[in-house]
Amino acid sequence: MKLTLLLGIVEIFFITFTLNGCSTATPIVSEWRNPAHASGSFQRLMIRGPSGETTLRRNFEDEFVAQLTAAGIDALASYRYMPENEGIDENNLNQAAQTARADGLLLVRSLRVDERTNYPSIGPEISFGIFGSNVGAGWSGFPGASGPYRYNEYTSETVLYDVTTNALVWTGTVKTTDPTNVQTAIKSYVQTIMKALAAQNLFPKR
């Protein structure tokens, strides 16, 4: 499968599910793994964070690098190998990964943003809804809320490519809302992706 990157233009505040100062675990609503790909094959990953805002991208990539390193995986932030203003396409991403001797490329990109309206109830309840092939979760109300409120729901995707074969190995889709603390949100997002990749046996055993 060709590595075709159509990075979204709205990629700043889709990072985690946080409400009223309290955060919950970032949920993966759907995922896919290439059954033909060998388990535990990645030794060195290049990370490409969301485009659109330089500081966010750097923080995102640095957090992935920190958590991957702690898990015993060699990881590299793409901003150290690619100019900030360089266009992102198949050729320059592959070239950067090959230059860094990475065998895997992990990318985060935005898919869409939807405006939602929520109607308060007497107390906070967790509600679950099915949207096509995806399942989402959200709060149905706040204590003492006086009326309906609008919020943005961000759908993002994290994809893992094998640089040596140019094959798609894994994808995970996440639905989130605006964070109250961006750095905490980034950490939660990365932890969720790390757990999913480990569960799919894509990291070597320590």
N, C-alpha and C. Protein backbone atom coordinates (compact mmCIF):
# COMPACT_ATOMS: atom_id res chain seq x y z
N MET A 1 0.84 -1.19 0.00
CA MET A 1 0.00 0.00 0.00
C MET A 1 0.88 1.24 0.00
N LYS A 2 0.56 2.18 -0.84
CA LYS A 2 1.33 3.40 -0.92
C LYS A 2 1.12 4.26 0.30
N LEU A 3 2.15 4.93 0.72
CA LEU A 3 2.05 5.87 1.85
C LEU A 3 1.58 7.20 1.31
N THR A 4 0.25 7.43 1.30
CA THR A 4 -0.33 8.68 0.81
C THR A 4 -0.81 9.47 1.99
N LEU A 5 -0.29 10.69 2.14
CA LEU A 5 -0.57 11.49 3.32
C LEU A 5 -1.37 12.72 2.94
N LEU A 6 -2.59 12.78 3.41
CA LEU A 6 -3.41 13.98 3.25
C LEU A 6 -3.67 14.52 4.64
N LEU A 7 -2.67 15.23 5.19
CA LEU A 7 -2.75 15.70 6.57
C LEU A 7 -3.79 16.80 6.68
N GLY A 8 -4.70 16.69 7.66
CA GLY A 8 -5.77 17.67 7.83
C GLY A 8 -5.25 19.03 8.26
N ILE A 9 -6.05 20.04 8.02
CA ILE A 9 -5.64 21.40 8.39
C ILE A 9 -6.15 21.78 9.78
N VAL A 10 -7.02 20.97 10.34
CA VAL A 10 -7.52 21.29 11.68
C VAL A 10 -6.99 20.24 12.62
N GLU A 11 -5.77 20.49 13.23
CA GLU A 11 -5.10 19.44 13.99
C GLU A 11 -4.55 19.94 15.31
N ILE A 12 -5.19 20.91 15.94
CA ILE A 12 -4.60 21.48 17.14
C ILE A 12 -5.24 20.96 18.42
N PHE A 13 -6.60 20.94 18.50
CA PHE A 13 -7.23 20.57 19.76
C PHE A 13 -8.15 19.37 19.61
N PHE A 14 -7.60 18.25 19.11
CA PHE A 14 -8.38 17.04 19.01
C PHE A 14 -7.84 15.99 19.96
N ILE A 15 -7.01 16.34 20.91
CA ILE A 15 -6.08 15.39 21.50
C ILE A 15 -6.70 14.44 22.52
N THR A 16 -7.51 14.88 23.47
CA THR A 16 -8.01 13.95 24.48
C THR A 16 -9.39 14.30 24.94
N PHE A 17 -10.06 13.38 25.66
CA PHE A 17 -11.41 13.58 26.16
C PHE A 17 -11.30 14.14 27.58
N THR A 18 -11.55 15.47 27.78
CA THR A 18 -11.49 16.08 29.09
C THR A 18 -12.72 16.92 29.32
N LEU A 19 -13.25 16.89 30.55
CA LEU A 19 -14.45 17.63 30.88
C LEU A 19 -14.36 18.21 32.29
N ASN A 20 -14.67 19.50 32.41
CA ASN A 20 -14.80 20.14 33.70
C ASN A 20 -13.57 19.95 34.58
N GLY A 21 -12.37 19.96 33.95
CA GLY A 21 -11.13 19.84 34.69
C GLY A 21 -10.71 18.42 35.00
N CYS A 22 -11.54 17.43 34.64
CA CYS A 22 -11.22 16.04 34.92
C CYS A 22 -11.11 15.30 33.60
N SER A 23 -10.05 14.50 33.42
CA SER A 23 -9.86 13.81 32.16
C SER A 23 -10.18 12.34 32.31
N THR A 24 -10.63 11.72 31.21
CA THR A 24 -10.84 10.29 31.17
C THR A 24 -9.87 9.72 30.17
N ALA A 25 -9.77 8.39 30.11
CA ALA A 25 -8.87 7.77 29.16
C ALA A 25 -9.33 8.06 27.75
N THR A 26 -8.37 8.36 26.89
CA THR A 26 -8.68 8.61 25.49
C THR A 26 -9.12 7.31 24.84
N PRO A 27 -10.33 7.25 24.23
CA PRO A 27 -10.80 5.98 23.68
C PRO A 27 -10.42 5.80 22.21
N ILE A 28 -9.97 4.60 21.85
CA ILE A 28 -9.84 4.23 20.44
C ILE A 28 -11.17 3.63 20.02
N VAL A 29 -11.81 4.21 19.04
CA VAL A 29 -13.15 3.76 18.65
C VAL A 29 -13.10 2.70 17.55
N SER A 30 -11.99 2.61 16.83
CA SER A 30 -11.82 1.55 15.84
C SER A 30 -10.34 1.39 15.55
N GLU A 31 -9.94 0.17 15.19
CA GLU A 31 -8.56 -0.07 14.83
C GLU A 31 -8.47 -1.25 13.87
N TRP A 32 -7.37 -1.30 13.14
CA TRP A 32 -7.12 -2.37 12.17
C TRP A 32 -5.64 -2.71 12.19
N ARG A 33 -5.34 -4.01 12.08
CA ARG A 33 -3.95 -4.46 12.04
C ARG A 33 -3.76 -5.34 10.83
N ASN A 34 -2.66 -5.16 10.14
CA ASN A 34 -2.33 -5.98 8.99
C ASN A 34 -1.94 -7.38 9.48
N PRO A 35 -2.76 -8.40 9.18
CA PRO A 35 -2.47 -9.74 9.71
C PRO A 35 -1.20 -10.35 9.12
N ALA A 36 -0.73 -9.80 7.99
CA ALA A 36 0.46 -10.36 7.35
C ALA A 36 1.75 -9.84 7.95
N HIS A 37 1.64 -8.83 8.81
CA HIS A 37 2.85 -8.24 9.37
C HIS A 37 3.30 -9.01 10.60
N ALA A 38 4.60 -9.23 10.68
CA ALA A 38 5.16 -10.00 11.80
C ALA A 38 5.06 -9.23 13.10
N SER A 39 4.88 -9.96 14.20
CA SER A 39 4.81 -9.33 15.52
C SER A 39 6.21 -8.92 15.99
N GLY A 40 6.23 -7.85 16.78
CA GLY A 40 7.48 -7.43 17.41
C GLY A 40 8.60 -7.06 16.47
N SER A 41 8.25 -6.52 15.31
CA SER A 41 9.28 -6.30 14.29
C SER A 41 9.93 -4.92 14.34
N PHE A 42 9.29 -3.94 15.00
CA PHE A 42 9.81 -2.57 14.94
C PHE A 42 10.83 -2.32 16.05
N GLN A 43 11.98 -1.84 15.63
CA GLN A 43 13.06 -1.52 16.56
C GLN A 43 13.32 -0.02 16.66
N ARG A 44 12.96 0.74 15.63
CA ARG A 44 13.30 2.16 15.58
C ARG A 44 12.18 2.90 14.82
N LEU A 45 11.47 3.77 15.52
CA LEU A 45 10.32 4.45 14.94
C LEU A 45 10.57 5.95 14.80
N MET A 46 10.15 6.50 13.66
CA MET A 46 10.10 7.95 13.51
C MET A 46 8.68 8.40 13.75
N ILE A 47 8.52 9.49 14.50
CA ILE A 47 7.20 9.99 14.86
C ILE A 47 6.90 11.26 14.08
N ARG A 48 5.72 11.32 13.48
CA ARG A 48 5.26 12.54 12.80
C ARG A 48 3.97 12.99 13.48
N GLY A 49 4.06 14.08 14.23
CA GLY A 49 2.90 14.59 14.94
C GLY A 49 1.99 15.39 14.03
N PRO A 50 0.87 15.88 14.57
CA PRO A 50 -0.11 16.64 13.78
C PRO A 50 0.48 17.94 13.26
N SER A 51 0.14 18.28 12.03
CA SER A 51 0.63 19.51 11.44
C SER A 51 -0.29 20.67 11.78
N GLY A 52 0.17 21.88 11.52
CA GLY A 52 -0.66 23.05 11.70
C GLY A 52 -0.14 24.00 12.76
N GLU A 53 0.55 23.49 13.79
CA GLU A 53 1.06 24.35 14.86
C GLU A 53 2.37 23.75 15.36
N THR A 54 3.45 24.50 15.22
CA THR A 54 4.79 23.97 15.46
C THR A 54 4.99 23.46 16.88
N THR A 55 4.58 24.24 17.88
CA THR A 55 4.79 23.84 19.27
C THR A 55 4.03 22.57 19.60
N LEU A 56 2.80 22.48 19.15
CA LEU A 56 2.01 21.27 19.39
C LEU A 56 2.67 20.06 18.76
N ARG A 57 3.09 20.19 17.52
CA ARG A 57 3.74 19.07 16.84
C ARG A 57 4.97 18.61 17.62
N ARG A 58 5.81 19.56 18.04
CA ARG A 58 7.03 19.20 18.77
C ARG A 58 6.69 18.50 20.10
N ASN A 59 5.74 19.05 20.85
CA ASN A 59 5.36 18.43 22.12
C ASN A 59 4.80 17.04 21.92
N PHE A 60 4.02 16.88 20.87
CA PHE A 60 3.43 15.59 20.56
C PHE A 60 4.52 14.56 20.25
N GLU A 61 5.44 14.93 19.37
CA GLU A 61 6.52 14.01 18.98
C GLU A 61 7.44 13.71 20.16
N ASP A 62 7.75 14.72 20.97
CA ASP A 62 8.62 14.51 22.13
C ASP A 62 7.98 13.56 23.13
N GLU A 63 6.66 13.65 23.33
CA GLU A 63 5.98 12.76 24.27
C GLU A 63 6.00 11.32 23.76
N PHE A 64 5.78 11.14 22.48
CA PHE A 64 5.88 9.79 21.91
C PHE A 64 7.29 9.24 22.09
N VAL A 65 8.29 10.06 21.81
CA VAL A 65 9.68 9.61 21.95
C VAL A 65 9.96 9.21 23.40
N ALA A 66 9.49 10.00 24.35
CA ALA A 66 9.74 9.71 25.77
C ALA A 66 9.09 8.39 26.18
N GLN A 67 7.84 8.18 25.79
CA GLN A 67 7.14 6.96 26.20
C GLN A 67 7.68 5.72 25.47
N LEU A 68 8.03 5.87 24.21
CA LEU A 68 8.60 4.74 23.47
C LEU A 68 9.97 4.37 24.03
N THR A 69 10.78 5.37 24.34
CA THR A 69 12.10 5.11 24.92
C THR A 69 11.98 4.39 26.26
N ALA A 70 11.01 4.82 27.07
CA ALA A 70 10.79 4.16 28.36
C ALA A 70 10.37 2.71 28.18
N ALA A 71 9.73 2.41 27.04
CA ALA A 71 9.30 1.04 26.75
C ALA A 71 10.39 0.22 26.06
N GLY A 72 11.57 0.83 25.88
CA GLY A 72 12.67 0.11 25.27
C GLY A 72 12.70 0.17 23.76
N ILE A 73 11.94 1.13 23.15
CA ILE A 73 11.90 1.28 21.70
C ILE A 73 12.68 2.53 21.31
N ASP A 74 13.58 2.39 20.36
CA ASP A 74 14.31 3.55 19.86
C ASP A 74 13.34 4.41 19.05
N ALA A 75 13.23 5.70 19.36
CA ALA A 75 12.27 6.57 18.70
C ALA A 75 12.90 7.91 18.36
N LEU A 76 12.42 8.53 17.29
CA LEU A 76 12.98 9.78 16.79
C LEU A 76 11.86 10.75 16.45
N ALA A 77 12.04 12.01 16.81
CA ALA A 77 11.08 13.05 16.45
C ALA A 77 11.39 13.53 15.03
N SER A 78 10.37 13.59 14.17
CA SER A 78 10.60 13.94 12.78
C SER A 78 11.05 15.39 12.61
N TYR A 79 10.70 16.27 13.57
CA TYR A 79 11.08 17.67 13.41
C TYR A 79 12.59 17.86 13.47
N ARG A 80 13.31 16.88 13.99
CA ARG A 80 14.76 16.96 14.02
C ARG A 80 15.39 16.61 12.67
N TYR A 81 14.59 16.06 11.77
CA TYR A 81 15.09 15.62 10.48
C TYR A 81 14.43 16.34 9.30
N MET A 82 13.35 17.07 9.56
CA MET A 82 12.61 17.73 8.49
C MET A 82 12.36 19.18 8.86
N PRO A 83 12.56 20.11 7.93
CA PRO A 83 12.27 21.52 8.19
C PRO A 83 10.81 21.72 8.57
N GLU A 84 10.55 22.67 9.46
CA GLU A 84 9.19 22.90 9.94
C GLU A 84 8.23 23.27 8.81
N ASN A 85 8.74 24.02 7.82
CA ASN A 85 7.86 24.50 6.76
C ASN A 85 7.88 23.63 5.52
N GLU A 86 8.51 22.46 5.59
CA GLU A 86 8.59 21.57 4.44
C GLU A 86 7.27 20.85 4.24
N GLY A 87 6.83 20.77 2.99
CA GLY A 87 5.60 20.06 2.69
C GLY A 87 5.72 18.58 3.03
N ILE A 88 4.62 18.00 3.49
CA ILE A 88 4.62 16.59 3.89
C ILE A 88 4.03 15.76 2.76
N ASP A 89 4.85 14.86 2.21
CA ASP A 89 4.35 13.92 1.23
C ASP A 89 5.11 12.60 1.37
N GLU A 90 4.74 11.66 0.53
CA GLU A 90 5.31 10.31 0.63
C GLU A 90 6.83 10.32 0.51
N ASN A 91 7.34 11.06 -0.44
CA ASN A 91 8.77 11.01 -0.71
C ASN A 91 9.62 11.58 0.42
N ASN A 92 9.27 12.81 0.91
CA ASN A 92 10.16 13.40 1.93
C ASN A 92 10.02 12.72 3.28
N LEU A 93 8.85 12.16 3.59
CA LEU A 93 8.72 11.41 4.84
C LEU A 93 9.53 10.12 4.79
N ASN A 94 9.42 9.40 3.68
CA ASN A 94 10.19 8.17 3.54
C ASN A 94 11.69 8.45 3.55
N GLN A 95 12.08 9.52 2.89
CA GLN A 95 13.50 9.86 2.84
C GLN A 95 14.03 10.20 4.23
N ALA A 96 13.25 10.97 4.99
CA ALA A 96 13.67 11.33 6.35
C ALA A 96 13.79 10.09 7.22
N ALA A 97 12.81 9.17 7.11
CA ALA A 97 12.85 7.95 7.91
C ALA A 97 14.04 7.08 7.54
N GLN A 98 14.31 6.97 6.25
CA GLN A 98 15.44 6.17 5.81
C GLN A 98 16.77 6.78 6.24
N THR A 99 16.84 8.12 6.18
CA THR A 99 18.06 8.81 6.62
C THR A 99 18.32 8.55 8.11
N ALA A 100 17.24 8.48 8.87
CA ALA A 100 17.36 8.24 10.31
C ALA A 100 17.47 6.75 10.64
N ARG A 101 17.48 5.90 9.61
CA ARG A 101 17.56 4.44 9.77
C ARG A 101 16.40 3.89 10.59
N ALA A 102 15.22 4.49 10.41
CA ALA A 102 14.02 4.00 11.09
C ALA A 102 13.38 2.90 10.26
N ASP A 103 12.83 1.90 10.93
CA ASP A 103 12.13 0.84 10.21
C ASP A 103 10.61 1.03 10.26
N GLY A 104 10.16 2.00 11.06
CA GLY A 104 8.73 2.27 11.15
C GLY A 104 8.45 3.76 11.20
N LEU A 105 7.27 4.15 10.74
CA LEU A 105 6.86 5.55 10.73
C LEU A 105 5.47 5.65 11.35
N LEU A 106 5.36 6.41 12.45
CA LEU A 106 4.10 6.57 13.16
C LEU A 106 3.58 7.99 12.94
N LEU A 107 2.38 8.11 12.37
CA LEU A 107 1.83 9.41 12.00
C LEU A 107 0.50 9.65 12.69
N VAL A 108 0.28 10.90 13.08
CA VAL A 108 -1.01 11.31 13.64
C VAL A 108 -1.59 12.39 12.74
N ARG A 109 -2.85 12.25 12.34
CA ARG A 109 -3.47 13.23 11.45
C ARG A 109 -4.95 13.38 11.78
N SER A 110 -5.48 14.54 11.47
CA SER A 110 -6.89 14.83 11.70
C SER A 110 -7.72 14.35 10.52
N LEU A 111 -8.91 13.80 10.81
CA LEU A 111 -9.82 13.38 9.76
C LEU A 111 -10.97 14.37 9.58
N ARG A 112 -11.58 14.80 10.70
CA ARG A 112 -12.69 15.75 10.58
C ARG A 112 -13.01 16.34 11.95
N VAL A 113 -13.78 17.43 11.93
CA VAL A 113 -14.28 18.08 13.14
C VAL A 113 -15.79 18.23 12.99
N ASP A 114 -16.55 17.78 14.01
CA ASP A 114 -18.01 17.88 14.00
C ASP A 114 -18.47 18.70 15.20
N GLU A 115 -19.41 19.61 14.98
CA GLU A 115 -20.00 20.36 16.08
C GLU A 115 -21.17 19.58 16.65
N ARG A 116 -21.18 19.40 17.97
CA ARG A 116 -22.24 18.64 18.64
C ARG A 116 -22.99 19.56 19.60
N THR A 117 -24.23 19.21 19.90
CA THR A 117 -25.03 19.90 20.90
C THR A 117 -25.41 18.90 21.97
N ASN A 118 -25.19 19.27 23.22
CA ASN A 118 -25.53 18.39 24.33
C ASN A 118 -26.57 19.07 25.20
N TYR A 119 -27.48 18.28 25.75
CA TYR A 119 -28.57 18.79 26.57
C TYR A 119 -28.39 18.30 28.00
N PRO A 120 -28.27 19.21 28.96
CA PRO A 120 -27.98 18.83 30.35
C PRO A 120 -29.09 18.00 30.97
N SER A 121 -28.68 17.16 31.89
CA SER A 121 -29.63 16.43 32.72
C SER A 121 -29.36 16.82 34.17
N ILE A 122 -30.07 16.20 35.10
CA ILE A 122 -29.93 16.56 36.51
C ILE A 122 -28.53 16.23 37.02
N GLY A 123 -27.94 15.20 36.54
CA GLY A 123 -26.60 14.82 36.98
C GLY A 123 -25.80 14.32 35.80
N PRO A 124 -24.47 14.19 35.96
CA PRO A 124 -23.65 13.70 34.86
C PRO A 124 -23.85 12.21 34.64
N GLU A 125 -24.10 11.83 33.41
CA GLU A 125 -24.23 10.43 33.06
C GLU A 125 -23.35 10.16 31.85
N ILE A 126 -22.88 8.95 31.76
CA ILE A 126 -22.10 8.57 30.59
C ILE A 126 -23.06 7.95 29.56
N SER A 127 -23.00 8.45 28.34
CA SER A 127 -23.84 7.89 27.29
C SER A 127 -22.96 7.38 26.17
N PHE A 128 -23.43 6.33 25.50
CA PHE A 128 -22.68 5.74 24.41
C PHE A 128 -23.54 5.75 23.15
N GLY A 129 -22.94 6.11 22.04
CA GLY A 129 -23.67 6.13 20.78
C GLY A 129 -22.87 5.47 19.69
N ILE A 130 -23.56 4.88 18.75
CA ILE A 130 -22.91 4.22 17.62
C ILE A 130 -23.07 5.11 16.40
N PHE A 131 -21.95 5.44 15.76
CA PHE A 131 -21.96 6.29 14.58
C PHE A 131 -21.35 5.50 13.44
N GLY A 132 -22.21 4.86 12.66
CA GLY A 132 -21.70 4.02 11.58
C GLY A 132 -20.94 2.84 12.16
N SER A 133 -19.66 2.72 11.80
CA SER A 133 -18.85 1.62 12.31
C SER A 133 -18.11 1.98 13.58
N ASN A 134 -18.30 3.22 14.07
CA ASN A 134 -17.57 3.68 15.26
C ASN A 134 -18.48 3.75 16.47
N VAL A 135 -17.87 3.63 17.63
CA VAL A 135 -18.60 3.78 18.88
C VAL A 135 -17.98 4.93 19.65
N GLY A 136 -18.80 5.86 20.12
CA GLY A 136 -18.30 7.01 20.86
C GLY A 136 -18.92 7.09 22.23
N ALA A 137 -18.26 7.81 23.13
CA ALA A 137 -18.78 7.98 24.49
C ALA A 137 -18.76 9.45 24.84
N GLY A 138 -19.72 9.88 25.65
CA GLY A 138 -19.74 11.28 26.05
C GLY A 138 -20.59 11.49 27.28
N TRP A 139 -20.40 12.63 27.93
CA TRP A 139 -21.22 13.00 29.08
C TRP A 139 -22.55 13.56 28.59
N SER A 140 -23.63 13.18 29.24
CA SER A 140 -24.94 13.67 28.81
C SER A 140 -25.38 14.91 29.55
N GLY A 141 -24.65 15.32 30.58
CA GLY A 141 -25.05 16.54 31.28
C GLY A 141 -24.10 16.89 32.41
N PHE A 142 -24.20 18.14 32.90
CA PHE A 142 -23.41 18.60 34.03
C PHE A 142 -24.34 18.95 35.19
N PRO A 143 -23.92 18.78 36.43
CA PRO A 143 -24.75 19.20 37.55
C PRO A 143 -24.98 20.70 37.51
N GLY A 144 -26.22 21.11 37.60
CA GLY A 144 -26.54 22.52 37.67
C GLY A 144 -26.52 23.23 36.35
N ALA A 145 -26.30 22.51 35.25
CA ALA A 145 -26.27 23.17 33.94
C ALA A 145 -27.65 23.69 33.60
N SER A 146 -27.72 24.84 32.96
CA SER A 146 -29.01 25.50 32.74
C SER A 146 -29.56 25.32 31.34
N GLY A 147 -28.77 24.86 30.39
CA GLY A 147 -29.27 24.73 29.04
C GLY A 147 -28.32 23.95 28.16
N PRO A 148 -28.70 23.73 26.91
CA PRO A 148 -27.84 22.99 26.00
C PRO A 148 -26.55 23.74 25.70
N TYR A 149 -25.50 23.02 25.38
CA TYR A 149 -24.24 23.64 25.05
C TYR A 149 -23.66 22.93 23.83
N ARG A 150 -22.82 23.64 23.09
CA ARG A 150 -22.17 23.08 21.90
C ARG A 150 -20.71 22.80 22.19
N TYR A 151 -20.20 21.80 21.54
CA TYR A 151 -18.79 21.47 21.67
C TYR A 151 -18.34 20.81 20.36
N ASN A 152 -17.03 20.79 20.16
CA ASN A 152 -16.46 20.16 18.97
C ASN A 152 -16.02 18.73 19.28
N GLU A 153 -16.31 17.83 18.37
CA GLU A 153 -15.84 16.45 18.46
C GLU A 153 -14.83 16.24 17.33
N TYR A 154 -13.62 15.86 17.71
CA TYR A 154 -12.53 15.72 16.75
C TYR A 154 -12.26 14.24 16.48
N THR A 155 -12.21 13.89 15.22
CA THR A 155 -11.87 12.52 14.84
C THR A 155 -10.46 12.52 14.25
N SER A 156 -9.57 11.78 14.86
CA SER A 156 -8.18 11.72 14.40
C SER A 156 -7.79 10.27 14.16
N GLU A 157 -6.70 10.12 13.46
CA GLU A 157 -6.21 8.78 13.10
C GLU A 157 -4.71 8.71 13.34
N THR A 158 -4.28 7.61 13.93
CA THR A 158 -2.86 7.32 14.05
C THR A 158 -2.56 6.11 13.19
N VAL A 159 -1.54 6.21 12.36
CA VAL A 159 -1.22 5.12 11.44
C VAL A 159 0.25 4.73 11.60
N LEU A 160 0.52 3.46 11.44
CA LEU A 160 1.88 2.93 11.54
C LEU A 160 2.24 2.27 10.21
N TYR A 161 3.36 2.72 9.62
CA TYR A 161 3.84 2.17 8.36
C TYR A 161 5.17 1.46 8.55
N ASP A 162 5.35 0.41 7.78
CA ASP A 162 6.65 -0.25 7.70
C ASP A 162 7.45 0.46 6.60
N VAL A 163 8.51 1.12 6.99
CA VAL A 163 9.31 1.90 6.05
C VAL A 163 10.02 1.00 5.05
N THR A 164 10.45 -0.18 5.48
CA THR A 164 11.23 -1.06 4.61
C THR A 164 10.39 -1.65 3.49
N THR A 165 9.09 -1.86 3.73
CA THR A 165 8.21 -2.45 2.71
C THR A 165 7.18 -1.46 2.19
N ASN A 166 7.11 -0.26 2.81
CA ASN A 166 6.13 0.75 2.44
C ASN A 166 4.70 0.23 2.60
N ALA A 167 4.48 -0.57 3.64
CA ALA A 167 3.18 -1.18 3.87
C ALA A 167 2.51 -0.60 5.11
N LEU A 168 1.19 -0.48 5.05
CA LEU A 168 0.40 -0.06 6.21
C LEU A 168 0.29 -1.23 7.18
N VAL A 169 0.64 -0.99 8.44
CA VAL A 169 0.66 -2.06 9.44
C VAL A 169 -0.51 -1.96 10.41
N TRP A 170 -0.82 -0.73 10.86
CA TRP A 170 -1.87 -0.56 11.88
C TRP A 170 -2.48 0.82 11.76
N THR A 171 -3.79 0.91 12.03
CA THR A 171 -4.46 2.21 12.12
C THR A 171 -5.38 2.21 13.34
N GLY A 172 -5.48 3.35 14.00
CA GLY A 172 -6.39 3.51 15.12
C GLY A 172 -7.09 4.85 15.02
N THR A 173 -8.40 4.85 15.21
CA THR A 173 -9.20 6.07 15.13
C THR A 173 -9.67 6.47 16.52
N VAL A 174 -9.55 7.77 16.81
CA VAL A 174 -9.89 8.29 18.13
C VAL A 174 -10.87 9.46 17.99
N LYS A 175 -11.88 9.49 18.85
CA LYS A 175 -12.79 10.64 18.93
C LYS A 175 -12.55 11.35 20.25
N THR A 176 -12.35 12.67 20.19
CA THR A 176 -12.03 13.44 21.38
C THR A 176 -12.77 14.78 21.36
N THR A 177 -12.70 15.50 22.47
CA THR A 177 -13.25 16.85 22.55
C THR A 177 -12.17 17.81 23.02
N ASP A 178 -12.49 19.10 23.11
CA ASP A 178 -11.50 20.11 23.47
C ASP A 178 -10.89 19.83 24.84
N PRO A 179 -9.56 19.86 24.95
CA PRO A 179 -8.92 19.60 26.24
C PRO A 179 -8.89 20.83 27.13
N THR A 180 -8.84 20.60 28.44
CA THR A 180 -8.64 21.70 29.37
C THR A 180 -7.15 21.93 29.63
N ASN A 181 -6.34 20.90 29.41
CA ASN A 181 -4.89 21.02 29.56
C ASN A 181 -4.24 20.26 28.41
N VAL A 182 -3.60 20.98 27.51
CA VAL A 182 -3.08 20.37 26.29
C VAL A 182 -1.99 19.34 26.58
N GLN A 183 -1.05 19.65 27.46
CA GLN A 183 0.05 18.73 27.72
C GLN A 183 -0.45 17.43 28.36
N THR A 184 -1.39 17.55 29.29
CA THR A 184 -1.98 16.35 29.89
C THR A 184 -2.71 15.54 28.84
N ALA A 185 -3.37 16.25 27.92
CA ALA A 185 -4.11 15.60 26.85
C ALA A 185 -3.17 14.83 25.92
N ILE A 186 -2.04 15.44 25.59
CA ILE A 186 -1.07 14.77 24.73
C ILE A 186 -0.58 13.48 25.39
N LYS A 187 -0.26 13.57 26.67
CA LYS A 187 0.23 12.40 27.39
C LYS A 187 -0.80 11.27 27.39
N SER A 188 -2.07 11.62 27.62
CA SER A 188 -3.13 10.63 27.62
C SER A 188 -3.29 9.99 26.25
N TYR A 189 -3.24 10.81 25.21
CA TYR A 189 -3.38 10.31 23.84
C TYR A 189 -2.27 9.31 23.52
N VAL A 190 -1.03 9.70 23.84
CA VAL A 190 0.11 8.84 23.53
C VAL A 190 0.03 7.54 24.32
N GLN A 191 -0.37 7.60 25.58
CA GLN A 191 -0.51 6.39 26.39
C GLN A 191 -1.50 5.42 25.77
N THR A 192 -2.60 5.96 25.24
CA THR A 192 -3.62 5.12 24.61
C THR A 192 -3.07 4.42 23.38
N ILE A 193 -2.35 5.16 22.53
CA ILE A 193 -1.78 4.56 21.33
C ILE A 193 -0.71 3.52 21.70
N MET A 194 0.09 3.82 22.69
CA MET A 194 1.12 2.88 23.14
C MET A 194 0.50 1.56 23.60
N LYS A 195 -0.56 1.64 24.38
CA LYS A 195 -1.22 0.42 24.86
C LYS A 195 -1.80 -0.39 23.71
N ALA A 196 -2.37 0.30 22.73
CA ALA A 196 -2.96 -0.39 21.59
C ALA A 196 -1.89 -1.10 20.76
N LEU A 197 -0.76 -0.44 20.53
CA LEU A 197 0.31 -1.04 19.75
C LEU A 197 0.93 -2.23 20.48
N ALA A 198 1.08 -2.09 21.80
CA ALA A 198 1.61 -3.20 22.60
C ALA A 198 0.67 -4.39 22.58
N ALA A 199 -0.64 -4.11 22.65
CA ALA A 199 -1.64 -5.18 22.63
C ALA A 199 -1.63 -5.93 21.30
N GLN A 200 -1.22 -5.24 20.23
CA GLN A 200 -1.15 -5.87 18.91
C GLN A 200 0.22 -6.53 18.67
N ASN A 201 1.06 -6.57 19.69
CA ASN A 201 2.37 -7.22 19.62
C ASN A 201 3.27 -6.62 18.53
N LEU A 202 3.21 -5.30 18.39
CA LEU A 202 4.02 -4.63 17.38
C LEU A 202 5.36 -4.14 17.92
N PHE A 203 5.55 -4.28 19.22
CA PHE A 203 6.83 -3.92 19.83
C PHE A 203 7.59 -5.19 20.21
N PRO A 204 8.92 -5.15 20.15
CA PRO A 204 9.69 -6.33 20.57
C PRO A 204 9.55 -6.57 22.07
N LYS A 205 9.61 -7.81 22.47
CA LYS A 205 9.52 -8.17 23.87
C LYS A 205 10.79 -7.73 24.59
N ARG A 206 10.60 -7.16 25.80
CA ARG A 206 11.76 -6.69 26.58
C ARG A 206 12.34 -7.84 27.37
